[in-house]
Amino acid sequence: MAEITINAQDGSGSFFGYLATPASGSGPGIVVIQEIFGVNQVMRDITDWLAGEGYVALCPDLFWRIEPRIELTDKSQAEWDRAFELYQAFDVPKGVDDIQAAVTALRAQPACSGKVGAVGYCLGGLLAYLTGCKTDADTAVGYYGVGIDGMLDAAQGLAKPLVLHIAEEDGFCPKEAQAQILQGLGGNDAITIYSYAGQDHAFARVGGEHYNAEAAGLANQRTLEAFRAALGS
């Protein structure tokens, strides 16, 4: 495990990314897109998990333009409050640009075999959707993408595979928004949408309040299947 420096596309600076390499020494790449808590232990664990599955995984610090290297948990109200402050201050288009920079940096890593996908959670779920629509990543997977219902037009013409995991009881993505997502994206054969009955936001966050091992296991299995189909392993 290591850190790399990623240069912003707009020339405004650089930011770090947590890099995990598989035991084989090489493989396809996956950019891991953070929740609203920064590149914390949860995100590093996901990055390590993907490396264990044969991928060169990179989790970039997307809050660097606000506060570099912020690292929060979901265990206190103060940290939740700070996380939502960061979320509200976050510039989504700049974030997508920074993800493209991360994709480019990952492809340039000697260990990366060339193809690169992305997976994101919470805020990162929306960003994964936009990564699939707006960057040259080969595929993307989004978990509980809050706000996708307001950006459905971004998927027009999308031909690369995109997978979305939706929690049916997600308080941040109400039923009406879920219906709009299903209606707006359901006609595109490149997009696969899975809904998880009875599950709330962040059902796949290990140790989180709404973690559900069975639902998380199923979603993660589907994620790996999508990556293997699009990227190899």
C-alpha atoms as a PDB file:
ATOM      1  CA  MET A   1       0.000   0.000   0.000  1.00  0.00           C
ATOM      2  CA  ALA A   2       1.268   3.432  -0.869  1.00  0.00           C
ATOM      3  CA  GLU A   3       0.314   6.998  -1.662  1.00  0.00           C
ATOM      4  CA  ILE A   4       0.708   8.689  -5.019  1.00  0.00           C
ATOM      5  CA  THR A   5       0.418  12.323  -6.073  1.00  0.00           C
ATOM      6  CA  ILE A   6      -2.234  13.202  -8.647  1.00  0.00           C
ATOM      7  CA  ASN A   7      -1.983  16.427 -10.652  1.00  0.00           C
ATOM      8  CA  ALA A   8      -5.216  18.346 -11.114  1.00  0.00           C
ATOM      9  CA  GLN A   9      -6.304  18.818 -14.719  1.00  0.00           C
ATOM     10  CA  ASP A  10      -6.859  22.560 -14.249  1.00  0.00           C
ATOM     11  CA  GLY A  11      -3.281  23.121 -13.061  1.00  0.00           C
ATOM     12  CA  SER A  12      -4.436  24.368  -9.662  1.00  0.00           C
ATOM     13  CA  GLY A  13      -2.420  21.892  -7.616  1.00  0.00           C
ATOM     14  CA  SER A  14      -2.131  18.248  -6.707  1.00  0.00           C
ATOM     15  CA  PHE A  15      -3.694  15.816  -4.270  1.00  0.00           C
ATOM     16  CA  PHE A  16      -2.909  12.433  -2.809  1.00  0.00           C
ATOM     17  CA  GLY A  17      -4.410   9.064  -3.550  1.00  0.00           C
ATOM     18  CA  TYR A  18      -4.230   5.873  -1.503  1.00  0.00           C
ATOM     19  CA  LEU A  19      -2.977   3.103  -3.802  1.00  0.00           C
ATOM     20  CA  ALA A  20      -3.295  -0.637  -3.212  1.00  0.00           C
ATOM     21  CA  THR A  21      -1.696  -3.180  -5.548  1.00  0.00           C
ATOM     22  CA  PRO A  22      -2.680  -6.858  -5.871  1.00  0.00           C
ATOM     23  CA  ALA A  23      -0.350  -9.624  -4.768  1.00  0.00           C
ATOM     24  CA  SER A  24       0.191 -10.516  -8.425  1.00  0.00           C
ATOM     25  CA  GLY A  25       1.810  -7.113  -8.919  1.00  0.00           C
ATOM     26  CA  SER A  26      -0.479  -5.943 -11.699  1.00  0.00           C
ATOM     27  CA  GLY A  27      -4.071  -5.851 -12.888  1.00  0.00           C
ATOM     28  CA  PRO A  28      -6.833  -3.594 -14.191  1.00  0.00           C
ATOM     29  CA  GLY A  29      -7.408  -0.372 -12.299  1.00  0.00           C
ATOM     30  CA  ILE A  30     -10.298   0.819 -10.151  1.00  0.00           C
ATOM     31  CA  VAL A  31     -10.743   4.327  -8.778  1.00  0.00           C
ATOM     32  CA  VAL A  32     -12.522   4.212  -5.404  1.00  0.00           C
ATOM     33  CA  ILE A  33     -14.654   7.311  -4.868  1.00  0.00           C
ATOM     34  CA  GLN A  34     -15.080   8.420  -1.275  1.00  0.00           C
ATOM     35  CA  GLU A  35     -18.090   9.041   0.915  1.00  0.00           C
ATOM     36  CA  ILE A  36     -18.514  12.424   2.625  1.00  0.00           C
ATOM     37  CA  PHE A  37     -16.013  11.390   5.325  1.00  0.00           C
ATOM     38  CA  GLY A  38     -12.859  11.662   3.205  1.00  0.00           C
ATOM     39  CA  VAL A  39     -10.247   8.987   2.590  1.00  0.00           C
ATOM     40  CA  ASN A  40     -10.803   7.292   5.931  1.00  0.00           C
ATOM     41  CA  GLN A  41     -10.269   3.734   7.129  1.00  0.00           C
ATOM     42  CA  VAL A  42     -13.511   2.560   5.526  1.00  0.00           C
ATOM     43  CA  MET A  43     -12.360   3.755   2.109  1.00  0.00           C
ATOM     44  CA  ARG A  44      -8.860   2.348   2.555  1.00  0.00           C
ATOM     45  CA  ASP A  45     -10.378  -1.007   3.529  1.00  0.00           C
ATOM     46  CA  ILE A  46     -12.484  -1.021   0.342  1.00  0.00           C
ATOM     47  CA  THR A  47      -9.404  -0.142  -1.689  1.00  0.00           C
ATOM     48  CA  ASP A  48      -7.474  -2.982  -0.063  1.00  0.00           C
ATOM     49  CA  TRP A  49     -10.400  -5.372  -0.665  1.00  0.00           C
ATOM     50  CA  LEU A  50     -10.352  -4.601  -4.377  1.00  0.00           C
ATOM     51  CA  ALA A  51      -6.595  -5.122  -4.480  1.00  0.00           C
ATOM     52  CA  GLY A  52      -7.231  -8.519  -2.904  1.00  0.00           C
ATOM     53  CA  GLU A  53      -9.575  -9.246  -5.818  1.00  0.00           C
ATOM     54  CA  GLY A  54      -6.812  -8.581  -8.339  1.00  0.00           C
ATOM     55  CA  TYR A  55      -7.210  -4.868  -9.062  1.00  0.00           C
ATOM     56  CA  VAL A  56      -4.869  -1.912  -8.768  1.00  0.00           C
ATOM     57  CA  ALA A  57      -7.114   0.305  -6.649  1.00  0.00           C
ATOM     58  CA  LEU A  58      -6.740   4.036  -6.039  1.00  0.00           C
ATOM     59  CA  CYS A  59      -8.764   6.177  -3.628  1.00  0.00           C
ATOM     60  CA  PRO A  60      -8.172   9.892  -4.380  1.00  0.00           C
ATOM     61  CA  ASP A  61      -8.640  12.714  -1.880  1.00  0.00           C
ATOM     62  CA  LEU A  62     -11.526  14.564  -3.527  1.00  0.00           C
ATOM     63  CA  PHE A  63     -11.966  17.076  -0.685  1.00  0.00           C
ATOM     64  CA  TRP A  64      -8.462  18.466  -1.219  1.00  0.00           C
ATOM     65  CA  ARG A  65      -9.785  21.740  -2.669  1.00  0.00           C
ATOM     66  CA  ILE A  66     -11.661  22.380   0.615  1.00  0.00           C
ATOM     67  CA  GLU A  67      -9.440  20.707   3.219  1.00  0.00           C
ATOM     68  CA  PRO A  68      -6.700  18.271   2.183  1.00  0.00           C
ATOM     69  CA  ARG A  69      -6.461  14.934   3.945  1.00  0.00           C
ATOM     70  CA  ILE A  70      -9.664  15.291   5.933  1.00  0.00           C
ATOM     71  CA  GLU A  71     -10.508  11.990   7.601  1.00  0.00           C
ATOM     72  CA  LEU A  72     -13.766  11.579   9.520  1.00  0.00           C
ATOM     73  CA  THR A  73     -15.880   8.732  10.857  1.00  0.00           C
ATOM     74  CA  ASP A  74     -19.648   8.324  11.212  1.00  0.00           C
ATOM     75  CA  LYS A  75     -19.402   7.868  14.982  1.00  0.00           C
ATOM     76  CA  SER A  76     -20.062  11.359  16.344  1.00  0.00           C
ATOM     77  CA  GLN A  77     -22.456  14.209  15.604  1.00  0.00           C
ATOM     78  CA  ALA A  78     -19.554  16.636  15.281  1.00  0.00           C
ATOM     79  CA  GLU A  79     -18.020  14.524  12.518  1.00  0.00           C
ATOM     80  CA  TRP A  80     -21.376  14.191  10.759  1.00  0.00           C
ATOM     81  CA  ASP A  81     -21.785  17.971  10.926  1.00  0.00           C
ATOM     82  CA  ARG A  82     -18.327  18.519   9.446  1.00  0.00           C
ATOM     83  CA  ALA A  83     -18.976  15.895   6.753  1.00  0.00           C
ATOM     84  CA  PHE A  84     -22.156  17.683   5.663  1.00  0.00           C
ATOM     85  CA  GLU A  85     -20.291  21.018   5.620  1.00  0.00           C
ATOM     86  CA  LEU A  86     -17.773  19.454   3.249  1.00  0.00           C
ATOM     87  CA  TYR A  87     -20.568  17.944   1.160  1.00  0.00           C
ATOM     88  CA  GLN A  88     -22.275  21.313   0.808  1.00  0.00           C
ATOM     89  CA  ALA A  89     -19.013  23.036  -0.124  1.00  0.00           C
ATOM     90  CA  PHE A  90     -18.018  20.365  -2.635  1.00  0.00           C
ATOM     91  CA  ASP A  91     -17.857  21.390  -6.307  1.00  0.00           C
ATOM     92  CA  VAL A  92     -19.268  18.407  -8.220  1.00  0.00           C
ATOM     93  CA  PRO A  93     -17.926  19.334 -11.692  1.00  0.00           C
ATOM     94  CA  LYS A  94     -14.453  19.905 -10.242  1.00  0.00           C
ATOM     95  CA  GLY A  95     -14.788  16.590  -8.424  1.00  0.00           C
ATOM     96  CA  VAL A  96     -15.516  14.807 -11.709  1.00  0.00           C
ATOM     97  CA  ASP A  97     -12.478  16.538 -13.241  1.00  0.00           C
ATOM     98  CA  ASP A  98     -10.374  15.288 -10.331  1.00  0.00           C
ATOM     99  CA  ILE A  99     -11.692  11.758 -10.829  1.00  0.00           C
ATOM    100  CA  GLN A 100     -10.655  11.961 -14.482  1.00  0.00           C
ATOM    101  CA  ALA A 101      -7.206  13.034 -13.258  1.00  0.00           C
ATOM    102  CA  ALA A 102      -7.176   9.999 -10.948  1.00  0.00           C
ATOM    103  CA  VAL A 103      -8.207   7.681 -13.806  1.00  0.00           C
ATOM    104  CA  THR A 104      -5.397   9.091 -15.929  1.00  0.00           C
ATOM    105  CA  ALA A 105      -2.875   8.765 -13.096  1.00  0.00           C
ATOM    106  CA  LEU A 106      -3.953   5.186 -12.426  1.00  0.00           C
ATOM    107  CA  ARG A 107      -3.591   4.199 -16.083  1.00  0.00           C
ATOM    108  CA  ALA A 108      -0.040   5.580 -15.952  1.00  0.00           C
ATOM    109  CA  GLN A 109       0.903   3.328 -13.030  1.00  0.00           C
ATOM    110  CA  PRO A 110       3.225   0.507 -14.182  1.00  0.00           C
ATOM    111  CA  ALA A 111       1.090  -2.022 -12.276  1.00  0.00           C
ATOM    112  CA  CYS A 112      -2.097  -1.031 -14.137  1.00  0.00           C
ATOM    113  CA  SER A 113      -2.822  -3.137 -17.198  1.00  0.00           C
ATOM    114  CA  GLY A 114      -4.716  -0.324 -18.916  1.00  0.00           C
ATOM    115  CA  LYS A 115      -8.456  -0.636 -18.336  1.00  0.00           C
ATOM    116  CA  VAL A 116      -9.825   1.384 -15.432  1.00  0.00           C
ATOM    117  CA  GLY A 117     -13.202   1.322 -13.727  1.00  0.00           C
ATOM    118  CA  ALA A 118     -14.629   3.252 -10.795  1.00  0.00           C
ATOM    119  CA  VAL A 119     -16.759   2.547  -7.765  1.00  0.00           C
ATOM    120  CA  GLY A 120     -18.250   5.117  -5.412  1.00  0.00           C
ATOM    121  CA  TYR A 121     -20.312   5.311  -2.237  1.00  0.00           C
ATOM    122  CA  CYS A 122     -22.750   7.929  -0.932  1.00  0.00           C
ATOM    123  CA  LEU A 123     -21.514  11.195  -2.504  1.00  0.00           C
ATOM    124  CA  GLY A 124     -19.204   8.877  -4.402  1.00  0.00           C
ATOM    125  CA  GLY A 125     -22.258   7.026  -5.744  1.00  0.00           C
ATOM    126  CA  LEU A 126     -23.394  10.166  -7.543  1.00  0.00           C
ATOM    127  CA  LEU A 127     -19.820  10.804  -8.650  1.00  0.00           C
ATOM    128  CA  ALA A 128     -19.492   7.229  -9.917  1.00  0.00           C
ATOM    129  CA  TYR A 129     -22.595   7.784 -12.041  1.00  0.00           C
ATOM    130  CA  LEU A 130     -21.093  10.991 -13.431  1.00  0.00           C
ATOM    131  CA  THR A 131     -17.749   9.228 -13.898  1.00  0.00           C
ATOM    132  CA  GLY A 132     -19.486   6.693 -16.107  1.00  0.00           C
ATOM    133  CA  CYS A 133     -21.168   9.475 -18.063  1.00  0.00           C
ATOM    134  CA  LYS A 134     -18.419  12.080 -18.331  1.00  0.00           C
ATOM    135  CA  THR A 135     -14.954  10.498 -18.051  1.00  0.00           C
ATOM    136  CA  ASP A 136     -13.030   7.934 -20.087  1.00  0.00           C
ATOM    137  CA  ALA A 137     -13.295   5.273 -17.357  1.00  0.00           C
ATOM    138  CA  ASP A 138     -14.278   1.934 -18.880  1.00  0.00           C
ATOM    139  CA  THR A 139     -17.076   1.199 -16.393  1.00  0.00           C
ATOM    140  CA  ALA A 140     -18.522   2.531 -13.137  1.00  0.00           C
ATOM    141  CA  VAL A 141     -20.497   1.261 -10.148  1.00  0.00           C
ATOM    142  CA  GLY A 142     -22.398   3.514  -7.742  1.00  0.00           C
ATOM    143  CA  TYR A 143     -23.721   2.654  -4.306  1.00  0.00           C
ATOM    144  CA  TYR A 144     -26.730   4.686  -3.087  1.00  0.00           C
ATOM    145  CA  GLY A 145     -26.144   7.599  -5.433  1.00  0.00           C
ATOM    146  CA  VAL A 146     -27.903  10.553  -3.860  1.00  0.00           C
ATOM    147  CA  GLY A 147     -28.827  13.243  -6.384  1.00  0.00           C
ATOM    148  CA  ILE A 148     -28.763  11.146  -9.556  1.00  0.00           C
ATOM    149  CA  ASP A 149     -32.449  11.956 -10.123  1.00  0.00           C
ATOM    150  CA  GLY A 150     -31.459  15.585 -10.751  1.00  0.00           C
ATOM    151  CA  MET A 151     -28.783  14.688 -13.308  1.00  0.00           C
ATOM    152  CA  LEU A 152     -30.468  12.085 -15.504  1.00  0.00           C
ATOM    153  CA  ASP A 153     -29.629  13.993 -18.696  1.00  0.00           C
ATOM    154  CA  ALA A 154     -25.941  13.249 -18.136  1.00  0.00           C
ATOM    155  CA  ALA A 155     -26.540   9.640 -19.186  1.00  0.00           C
ATOM    156  CA  GLN A 156     -27.774  10.473 -22.676  1.00  0.00           C
ATOM    157  CA  GLY A 157     -25.743   8.451 -25.146  1.00  0.00           C
ATOM    158  CA  LEU A 158     -23.996   6.437 -22.436  1.00  0.00           C
ATOM    159  CA  ALA A 159     -22.686   3.195 -23.958  1.00  0.00           C
ATOM    160  CA  LYS A 160     -20.211   1.989 -21.311  1.00  0.00           C
ATOM    161  CA  PRO A 161     -21.525  -0.334 -18.599  1.00  0.00           C
ATOM    162  CA  LEU A 162     -22.847   1.360 -15.471  1.00  0.00           C
ATOM    163  CA  VAL A 163     -24.218  -0.379 -12.373  1.00  0.00           C
ATOM    164  CA  LEU A 164     -26.231   1.354  -9.642  1.00  0.00           C
ATOM    165  CA  HIS A 165     -27.123  -0.109  -6.247  1.00  0.00           C
ATOM    166  CA  ILE A 166     -30.198   1.558  -4.707  1.00  0.00           C
ATOM    167  CA  ALA A 167     -31.392   1.092  -1.118  1.00  0.00           C
ATOM    168  CA  GLU A 168     -35.190   1.114  -1.200  1.00  0.00           C
ATOM    169  CA  GLU A 169     -35.474   2.704   2.263  1.00  0.00           C
ATOM    170  CA  ASP A 170     -32.720   5.277   1.674  1.00  0.00           C
ATOM    171  CA  GLY A 171     -33.616   8.421   3.575  1.00  0.00           C
ATOM    172  CA  PHE A 172     -31.341  10.469   1.316  1.00  0.00           C
ATOM    173  CA  CYS A 173     -32.870   9.083  -1.894  1.00  0.00           C
ATOM    174  CA  PRO A 174     -36.637   8.922  -1.326  1.00  0.00           C
ATOM    175  CA  LYS A 175     -39.051   6.705  -3.243  1.00  0.00           C
ATOM    176  CA  GLU A 176     -39.958   9.469  -5.686  1.00  0.00           C
ATOM    177  CA  ALA A 177     -36.289  10.002  -6.574  1.00  0.00           C
ATOM    178  CA  GLN A 178     -35.782   6.252  -6.960  1.00  0.00           C
ATOM    179  CA  ALA A 179     -38.751   6.078  -9.327  1.00  0.00           C
ATOM    180  CA  GLN A 180     -37.314   8.927 -11.402  1.00  0.00           C
ATOM    181  CA  ILE A 181     -33.963   7.141 -11.626  1.00  0.00           C
ATOM    182  CA  LEU A 182     -35.563   3.881 -12.700  1.00  0.00           C
ATOM    183  CA  GLN A 183     -37.751   5.618 -15.261  1.00  0.00           C
ATOM    184  CA  GLY A 184     -35.028   7.905 -16.582  1.00  0.00           C
ATOM    185  CA  LEU A 185     -32.269   5.330 -16.894  1.00  0.00           C
ATOM    186  CA  GLY A 186     -34.123   2.045 -17.254  1.00  0.00           C
ATOM    187  CA  GLY A 187     -34.305   2.235 -21.046  1.00  0.00           C
ATOM    188  CA  ASN A 188     -30.524   2.224 -21.501  1.00  0.00           C
ATOM    189  CA  ASP A 189     -29.185  -1.312 -21.983  1.00  0.00           C
ATOM    190  CA  ALA A 190     -25.761  -0.221 -20.711  1.00  0.00           C
ATOM    191  CA  ILE A 191     -27.193   0.601 -17.278  1.00  0.00           C
ATOM    192  CA  THR A 192     -28.047  -2.038 -14.684  1.00  0.00           C
ATOM    193  CA  ILE A 193     -29.971  -0.935 -11.598  1.00  0.00           C
ATOM    194  CA  TYR A 194     -30.316  -3.163  -8.535  1.00  0.00           C
ATOM    195  CA  SER A 195     -32.777  -2.277  -5.767  1.00  0.00           C
ATOM    196  CA  TYR A 196     -32.392  -3.666  -2.244  1.00  0.00           C
ATOM    197  CA  ALA A 197     -35.654  -4.093  -0.367  1.00  0.00           C
ATOM    198  CA  GLY A 198     -35.634  -3.074   3.275  1.00  0.00           C
ATOM    199  CA  GLN A 199     -32.185  -1.507   3.070  1.00  0.00           C
ATOM    200  CA  ASP A 200     -31.250   2.002   4.130  1.00  0.00           C
ATOM    201  CA  HIS A 201     -28.456   4.327   3.042  1.00  0.00           C
ATOM    202  CA  ALA A 202     -24.926   2.910   3.420  1.00  0.00           C
ATOM    203  CA  PHE A 203     -26.087  -0.676   3.891  1.00  0.00           C
ATOM    204  CA  ALA A 204     -22.680  -1.799   2.596  1.00  0.00           C
ATOM    205  CA  ARG A 205     -20.587   0.341   4.971  1.00  0.00           C
ATOM    206  CA  VAL A 206     -18.976  -2.158   7.324  1.00  0.00           C
ATOM    207  CA  GLY A 207     -19.537  -1.032  10.904  1.00  0.00           C
ATOM    208  CA  GLY A 208     -22.141   1.553   9.928  1.00  0.00           C
ATOM    209  CA  GLU A 209     -25.542   1.937  11.548  1.00  0.00           C
ATOM    210  CA  HIS A 210     -27.377   0.457   8.554  1.00  0.00           C
ATOM    211  CA  TYR A 211     -24.851  -2.198   7.571  1.00  0.00           C
ATOM    212  CA  ASN A 212     -26.481  -5.401   6.378  1.00  0.00           C
ATOM    213  CA  ALA A 213     -24.059  -8.234   5.689  1.00  0.00           C
ATOM    214  CA  GLU A 214     -26.368 -10.154   3.361  1.00  0.00           C
ATOM    215  CA  ALA A 215     -27.299  -7.168   1.202  1.00  0.00           C
ATOM    216  CA  ALA A 216     -23.727  -5.877   1.203  1.00  0.00           C
ATOM    217  CA  GLY A 217     -22.415  -9.278   0.176  1.00  0.00           C
ATOM    218  CA  LEU A 218     -24.869  -9.475  -2.712  1.00  0.00           C
ATOM    219  CA  ALA A 219     -24.076  -5.935  -3.888  1.00  0.00           C
ATOM    220  CA  ASN A 220     -20.340  -6.533  -3.651  1.00  0.00           C
ATOM    221  CA  GLN A 221     -20.654  -9.785  -5.589  1.00  0.00           C
ATOM    222  CA  ARG A 222     -22.547  -7.963  -8.332  1.00  0.00           C
ATOM    223  CA  THR A 223     -19.922  -5.225  -8.333  1.00  0.00           C
ATOM    224  CA  LEU A 224     -17.102  -7.711  -8.817  1.00  0.00           C
ATOM    225  CA  GLU A 225     -19.027  -9.461 -11.588  1.00  0.00           C
ATOM    226  CA  ALA A 226     -19.470  -6.142 -13.357  1.00  0.00           C
ATOM    227  CA  PHE A 227     -15.786  -5.335 -13.062  1.00  0.00           C
ATOM    228  CA  ARG A 228     -14.703  -8.745 -14.287  1.00  0.00           C
ATOM    229  CA  ALA A 229     -16.982  -8.451 -17.295  1.00  0.00           C
ATOM    230  CA  ALA A 230     -15.780  -4.970 -18.219  1.00  0.00           C
ATOM    231  CA  LEU A 231     -12.165  -4.976 -17.038  1.00  0.00           C
ATOM    232  CA  GLY A 232     -11.065  -8.563 -16.532  1.00  0.00           C
ATOM    233  CA  SER A 233      -9.196  -9.436 -13.335  1.00  0.00           C
END
